[in-house]
Structure formats: C-alpha cells, structure tokens
Protein backbone atom coordinates (compact mmCIF):
# COMPACT_ATOMS: atom_id res chain seq x y z
CA MET A 1 7.34 6.10 89.88
CA THR A 2 5.90 3.24 87.93
CA PRO A 3 7.75 -0.25 88.72
CA GLU A 4 8.78 -2.55 86.31
CA ASN A 5 8.39 -6.18 86.71
CA VAL A 6 11.52 -8.11 86.39
CA THR A 7 10.67 -11.65 86.78
CA GLY A 8 6.91 -12.41 86.64
CA PRO A 9 5.16 -14.30 89.15
CA LEU A 10 7.67 -17.11 89.36
CA ALA A 11 7.31 -17.63 93.41
CA HIS A 12 4.22 -18.08 95.63
CA HIS A 13 6.07 -16.27 98.52
CA ALA A 14 8.97 -14.13 97.14
CA GLU A 15 10.72 -12.42 100.23
CA GLY A 16 14.21 -11.35 101.88
CA PRO A 17 15.64 -9.36 98.29
CA VAL A 18 19.40 -8.48 98.62
CA TRP A 19 21.70 -7.41 96.41
CA TRP A 20 25.54 -8.24 96.55
CA PRO A 21 28.16 -8.17 93.29
CA GLY A 22 29.71 -11.40 94.52
CA TRP A 23 27.18 -13.63 94.08
CA GLY A 24 25.98 -11.83 90.31
CA GLY A 25 23.42 -9.13 91.92
CA LEU A 26 20.11 -9.82 92.87
CA ARG A 27 18.81 -12.65 95.18
CA TRP A 28 15.91 -13.60 97.20
CA VAL A 29 13.86 -16.30 98.47
CA ASP A 30 10.51 -18.20 97.96
CA GLY A 31 9.70 -18.55 101.28
CA GLU A 32 7.19 -21.52 101.49
CA ALA A 33 9.21 -23.28 98.63
CA GLY A 34 12.21 -23.46 101.01
CA ASP A 35 14.14 -21.81 97.64
CA LEU A 36 16.92 -19.19 97.03
CA LEU A 37 16.23 -17.31 93.68
CA THR A 38 18.84 -15.80 91.52
CA LEU A 39 18.07 -13.19 88.48
CA ASP A 40 20.50 -13.89 85.87
CA PRO A 41 20.64 -12.31 82.20
CA ASP A 42 19.02 -15.50 80.95
CA GLY A 43 16.41 -15.70 83.84
CA VAL A 44 15.65 -17.11 87.36
CA THR A 45 17.16 -19.93 88.82
CA ARG A 46 16.21 -21.72 91.94
CA GLN A 47 18.35 -23.32 95.04
CA HIS A 48 16.61 -25.40 97.38
CA ILE A 49 17.65 -25.24 100.93
CA ASP A 50 15.17 -25.61 103.43
CA ASP A 51 12.27 -28.30 103.52
CA GLU A 52 9.78 -26.11 105.54
CA TYR A 53 10.70 -22.28 104.99
CA LEU A 54 13.46 -20.20 104.13
CA ALA A 55 13.34 -16.71 105.65
CA PHE A 56 16.62 -14.98 103.99
CA ALA A 57 19.85 -15.32 103.14
CA ARG A 58 22.94 -12.81 103.05
CA PRO A 59 26.55 -13.00 101.74
CA ARG A 60 29.48 -14.35 103.81
CA ALA A 61 33.06 -12.10 104.42
CA GLY A 62 34.83 -14.99 103.35
CA GLY A 63 32.86 -16.24 100.25
CA GLY A 64 29.61 -18.09 100.30
CA LEU A 65 26.59 -17.41 102.07
CA VAL A 66 24.31 -18.01 105.30
CA ALA A 67 20.52 -18.81 105.05
CA VAL A 68 18.28 -18.87 107.68
CA GLY A 69 15.57 -21.47 107.58
CA ALA A 70 12.35 -22.29 109.35
CA ARG A 71 14.70 -23.47 112.77
CA THR A 72 18.05 -23.96 111.42
CA LEU A 73 21.05 -22.20 110.30
CA TYR A 74 22.59 -22.87 107.07
CA LEU A 75 26.26 -21.78 105.67
CA ALA A 76 27.82 -22.50 102.35
CA ASP A 77 31.34 -21.93 101.17
CA ASP A 78 30.65 -21.17 97.64
CA VAL A 79 27.63 -19.16 96.66
CA ASP A 80 26.01 -21.80 94.22
CA GLY A 81 27.20 -24.77 96.70
CA GLU A 82 25.63 -26.57 98.90
CA ALA A 83 24.32 -25.32 102.06
CA ARG A 84 24.68 -27.25 105.34
CA ALA A 85 22.90 -27.12 108.54
CA VAL A 86 25.18 -25.53 111.46
CA ALA A 87 23.23 -24.91 114.27
CA SER A 88 19.78 -25.02 115.54
CA LEU A 89 17.85 -21.68 116.09
CA HIS A 90 14.96 -23.08 118.04
CA ASP A 91 13.10 -26.48 118.26
CA ASP A 92 9.21 -25.06 118.69
CA PRO A 93 7.10 -26.47 115.44
CA ARG A 94 4.82 -23.66 116.03
CA VAL A 95 7.37 -20.90 115.15
CA ARG A 96 9.33 -20.29 112.24
CA MET A 97 12.13 -17.74 111.32
CA ASN A 98 11.49 -14.79 109.15
CA ASP A 99 13.32 -11.59 108.22
CA GLY A 100 16.91 -10.29 109.31
CA CYS A 101 20.06 -8.87 108.18
CA CYS A 102 23.63 -8.43 109.45
CA ASP A 103 24.61 -5.66 111.72
CA PRO A 104 27.59 -3.24 111.16
CA ARG A 105 29.95 -5.84 112.64
CA GLY A 106 28.94 -8.61 110.55
CA ARG A 107 26.57 -10.29 113.04
CA LEU A 108 23.79 -11.99 111.90
CA LEU A 109 20.13 -10.75 113.18
CA THR A 110 16.80 -12.77 112.67
CA GLY A 111 13.20 -12.55 113.89
CA SER A 112 10.50 -15.32 114.51
CA MET A 113 6.94 -15.62 114.73
CA ALA A 114 4.18 -18.13 115.30
CA TYR A 115 2.63 -19.43 112.16
CA ASP A 116 -0.78 -18.38 113.47
CA ALA A 117 0.54 -15.06 114.61
CA THR A 118 0.45 -15.95 118.40
CA PRO A 119 1.22 -12.54 120.12
CA ASP A 120 4.95 -12.69 121.37
CA ALA A 121 5.68 -16.09 120.28
CA GLY A 122 8.77 -14.77 118.33
CA ARG A 123 12.08 -13.55 119.25
CA VAL A 124 15.01 -11.63 118.03
CA LEU A 125 18.12 -13.45 117.97
CA ARG A 126 21.98 -12.25 116.99
CA ILE A 127 24.12 -15.06 115.64
CA ASP A 128 27.84 -14.14 116.29
CA ASP A 129 30.75 -14.79 113.86
CA ASP A 130 31.65 -18.11 116.22
CA LEU A 131 27.92 -18.95 115.68
CA ASP A 132 27.15 -18.16 119.30
CA ILE A 133 23.26 -17.15 119.49
CA VAL A 134 22.19 -14.23 121.73
CA THR A 135 18.85 -13.09 122.26
CA VAL A 136 18.49 -9.52 121.48
CA LEU A 137 14.74 -9.19 121.82
CA PRO A 138 13.03 -11.72 123.64
CA ARG A 139 9.28 -11.22 122.52
CA ALA A 140 7.79 -10.41 119.25
CA THR A 141 4.64 -11.21 117.29
CA VAL A 142 5.84 -10.82 113.56
CA SER A 143 9.26 -10.21 113.46
CA ASN A 144 10.08 -8.42 110.03
CA GLY A 145 12.38 -5.97 108.68
CA ILE A 146 15.56 -4.81 110.42
CA GLY A 147 18.36 -2.29 108.81
CA PHE A 148 20.68 -0.20 110.26
CA SER A 149 21.32 3.57 109.52
CA PRO A 150 24.29 4.78 107.10
CA ASP A 151 26.55 5.51 110.10
CA GLY A 152 25.38 2.69 112.06
CA ARG A 153 24.47 4.23 114.97
CA ARG A 154 20.50 3.64 114.55
CA ALA A 155 18.83 0.38 113.82
CA TYR A 156 15.37 0.33 112.42
CA TYR A 157 13.07 -2.63 113.24
CA VAL A 158 9.43 -3.78 112.44
CA ASP A 159 7.54 -6.07 114.07
CA THR A 160 4.49 -6.10 111.99
CA LEU A 161 1.25 -6.20 114.15
CA THR A 162 2.48 -3.15 116.11
CA HIS A 163 1.90 -1.03 113.00
CA ARG A 164 5.03 0.73 113.33
CA ILE A 165 8.86 1.08 112.31
CA ASP A 166 11.04 1.26 115.61
CA VAL A 167 14.12 2.87 115.99
CA PHE A 168 16.63 2.05 118.24
CA ASP A 169 20.28 3.71 119.24
CA VAL A 170 23.18 1.50 118.94
CA ALA A 171 25.68 1.53 121.32
CA GLU A 172 28.71 -0.43 121.51
CA GLY A 173 27.10 -2.95 119.18
CA GLU A 174 23.93 -3.36 121.40
CA LEU A 175 20.34 -2.08 120.55
CA ARG A 176 18.90 0.82 123.27
CA GLY A 177 16.26 3.09 123.90
CA ARG A 178 13.41 1.24 121.53
CA ARG A 179 10.84 4.16 120.43
CA ALA A 180 8.47 4.64 117.32
CA PHE A 181 9.96 5.98 114.16
CA ALA A 182 6.82 5.90 111.92
CA VAL A 183 3.65 4.68 112.50
CA ILE A 184 1.55 2.89 109.58
CA ARG A 185 -1.96 3.44 109.56
CA ALA A 186 -4.26 0.61 109.63
CA ASP A 187 -5.73 1.72 105.90
CA GLN A 188 -2.18 1.81 104.47
CA GLY A 189 -1.43 -1.68 105.17
CA LEU A 190 0.70 -3.62 107.60
CA PRO A 191 4.70 -2.75 107.64
CA ASP A 192 7.12 -5.58 106.50
CA GLY A 193 10.67 -5.45 105.30
CA LEU A 194 12.45 -2.61 104.84
CA ALA A 195 15.70 -0.78 103.25
CA VAL A 196 18.16 1.89 104.41
CA ALA A 197 19.09 4.64 101.67
CA ALA A 198 22.76 6.34 101.89
CA ASP A 199 20.88 9.61 102.35
CA GLY A 200 19.09 7.95 105.69
CA SER A 201 15.68 7.43 104.46
CA VAL A 202 14.17 4.32 105.18
CA TRP A 203 11.90 2.28 102.90
CA VAL A 204 9.38 0.05 103.84
CA ALA A 205 6.99 -2.79 101.97
CA LEU A 206 3.22 -2.41 103.17
CA TRP A 207 1.78 -5.88 103.15
CA GLY A 208 -2.09 -5.63 102.21
CA GLY A 209 -1.07 -2.15 101.08
CA GLY A 210 -0.14 -2.41 97.53
CA ALA A 211 2.94 -0.08 98.08
CA VAL A 212 6.45 1.07 99.52
CA HIS A 213 6.81 4.20 101.62
CA GLY A 214 9.77 6.11 101.86
CA PHE A 215 10.30 7.95 105.43
CA ASP A 216 13.01 10.49 105.74
CA PRO A 217 15.51 10.01 108.55
CA ALA A 218 13.08 12.21 110.84
CA GLY A 219 10.25 9.61 110.36
CA ALA A 220 8.27 11.90 107.96
CA HIS A 221 6.71 9.96 104.87
CA VAL A 222 8.08 11.58 101.91
CA ALA A 223 7.39 9.26 98.77
CA THR A 224 4.97 6.39 97.51
CA ILE A 225 5.63 3.68 95.43
CA THR A 226 2.30 2.16 94.03
CA LEU A 227 2.59 -1.60 93.33
CA PRO A 228 0.09 -3.47 90.89
CA VAL A 229 -0.40 -6.44 93.88
CA PRO A 230 -1.56 -5.96 97.36
CA GLN A 231 0.84 -8.11 99.23
CA VAL A 232 4.33 -5.96 98.98
CA SER A 233 6.78 -8.24 101.15
CA ALA A 234 10.24 -6.68 100.97
CA CYS A 235 12.89 -4.19 99.12
CA THR A 236 16.35 -3.70 99.09
CA PHE A 237 18.78 -1.65 96.50
CA GLY A 238 20.82 -2.81 94.01
CA ASP A 239 22.63 -2.11 90.73
CA ASP A 240 26.03 -0.85 90.11
CA ASP A 241 25.04 2.22 91.68
CA LEU A 242 22.49 0.45 94.40
CA GLY A 243 20.08 3.17 92.46
CA THR A 244 17.08 0.88 92.15
CA LEU A 245 14.93 -0.52 94.45
CA TYR A 246 14.10 -4.09 94.08
CA ILE A 247 10.70 -4.99 95.34
CA THR A 248 9.69 -8.16 96.46
CA THR A 249 5.83 -9.21 96.01
CA SER A 250 3.73 -12.41 97.27
CA ALA A 251 0.70 -14.30 96.41
CA GLN A 252 0.41 -15.82 99.95
CA GLY A 253 -3.22 -15.44 101.24
CA LEU A 254 -4.59 -14.59 98.05
CA SER A 255 -7.30 -16.75 96.01
CA PRO A 256 -6.20 -18.80 93.51
CA ASP A 257 -7.95 -16.69 90.72
CA HIS A 258 -6.42 -13.33 92.19
CA GLY A 259 -5.37 -12.74 88.61
CA THR A 260 -2.40 -10.64 89.54
CA ASP A 261 1.41 -10.56 89.27
CA ALA A 262 1.73 -11.24 93.00
CA GLY A 263 5.10 -13.42 93.49
CA SER A 264 6.70 -11.32 91.06
CA VAL A 265 9.88 -8.77 91.63
CA PHE A 266 9.47 -5.13 90.37
CA ALA A 267 12.18 -2.76 90.15
CA VAL A 268 12.13 1.31 90.21
CA ARG A 269 14.49 4.29 90.81
CA PRO A 270 13.18 5.93 93.45
CA GLY A 271 15.71 8.81 93.18
CA VAL A 272 18.14 7.57 96.19
CA HIS A 273 20.80 5.16 96.62
CA GLY A 274 21.17 2.28 99.07
CA ILE A 275 24.29 1.23 101.21
CA PRO A 276 26.30 -1.98 100.46
CA VAL A 277 24.93 -4.90 102.42
CA THR A 278 27.06 -6.24 105.12
CA PRO A 279 28.22 -9.55 104.90
CA PHE A 280 28.14 -12.24 107.57
CA ALA A 281 31.65 -12.56 109.87
CA GLY A 282 30.91 -16.22 110.38
C-alpha cells in the first residue's frame, strides 16, 4: 500500500482528521496554529479557532461543530461559522488538551497532556450534551487516540508513553476493565491517533515510526502502511464509502532542513472500511 500525498506540507503539526459529509468531507487541525483545515475541491482552507493550540473538532448532531482548544471548549452553530468559547476545560498553563472523539451516546471524550510530558499531569474528560464535565481517567501522560468498536461495546485508548493501545469494556456508557490490546515496540515508534474500522480492526499512527499499523480485533498486527515522513500523528476513514484512510503527519520536532513532506495529509485504500463518525450531542 503506497499512500498518496493529497495536500502537500501545508501544516506544521497536522492532527485530528475526521470525515463528515455534512461539512464537506475531510477536516483536520494545524495544532500549534490553532486552525481548523478543510480539504475543498479547489484546495485547503483555514479557520482560526484557538490562539494557543487546537486539538481537534467534531460535527454536532444539530449542525455546526465542537472544537477543543488548549484549555477551552468551543461551539459553532454553522460548520463554517464563528466558534464561540462555551466552557473552560482546565486552568493549568502547563497543560493542554489533546486528541479525542465522541462516544456512541454523542458525549465528547478528550484527554490532556503537559507540554513537557510530565508523567500523569493529564487526564481524560467527558463533556456531556449539557456541557457538564466529568473526569473519566484522572491521570494520563500523553493522552492520544480514542475510538469505539463498531458495536460500541469496546473502547480503545492510547496514552502514548505507555507504548500500548489499551482497551476498555463499555458498560452502561462507562469504561471498565482497562487492559492492553496491543504493544508497540520502541523501535516501531510511539502510538498516537487511531481509527476503528467496520470489521473491528484498529489502525494507529506511529509517531517517530513513519507508519500506520493495523491490528485485528484480537490485537494481532495485520497491516503496515509506510509513510515517507517520520512523525505520523493520526488517521481517519473517509470518502463516500469510508474506504480511504486519511493520515495526518507533522513537522513538529524536525529540523528546519528536514527535507520531507511532513505536515501533509496522505491517503490510502487499506482494503477495509470505516464507521461513520458520531457527532457531538451538545
């Protein structure tokens, strides 16, 4: 499988991709710029949201979008409209929010991390449809990918510096029984964002590993997608059949003369199809 570069290196730190027909297809963030990017037929457009950092955005069930900044939750009533701050997610300037998703009930899950990756300085929060904020995991170091199995009975989670993808059982909407699903060897990179396919396979971006690895529902490594850049940050399934895996990459931490297409979005057809994104119920 040879990925195609579909954007060129337009972002410094491309992250958090998501496909949603209601906002025109693929959107992702340029994290340190605080911008939400959209892939249009004529190119890529930007919408600035947060002055410090933008972690990710998701569609809202009633229209518009929800976005998670460094410390702030934003809502917009129109997908291309102005995003307004509606809640503070924390008040520690040493910590910023990071990756997340919506659970099968439409509640937003988002984790955090210290800028210097201080152990256990982050946590995972759940934002309910009434914007009530609940702590799901009180300690995390580099909270990253979160996703749910097609039947909603399992949740997959990456705290990057554990070198693992973990799995939880989902019981009455709560996460239970955390355990290792797959271990990423140090020489393969660090697990980052992830996507779950309709066949139950889990696809994880490998930061520093220049690849995306696919795992079957039992946690066995079944596929490798090699990228021509080292910092692979996240992935999502898209296109009308959800059969294309869009992969974000980053130039974060690379020297100015790295000479790669880091910061580009790549696309590949891995032979499996994704599941539709769950919009935020709030």
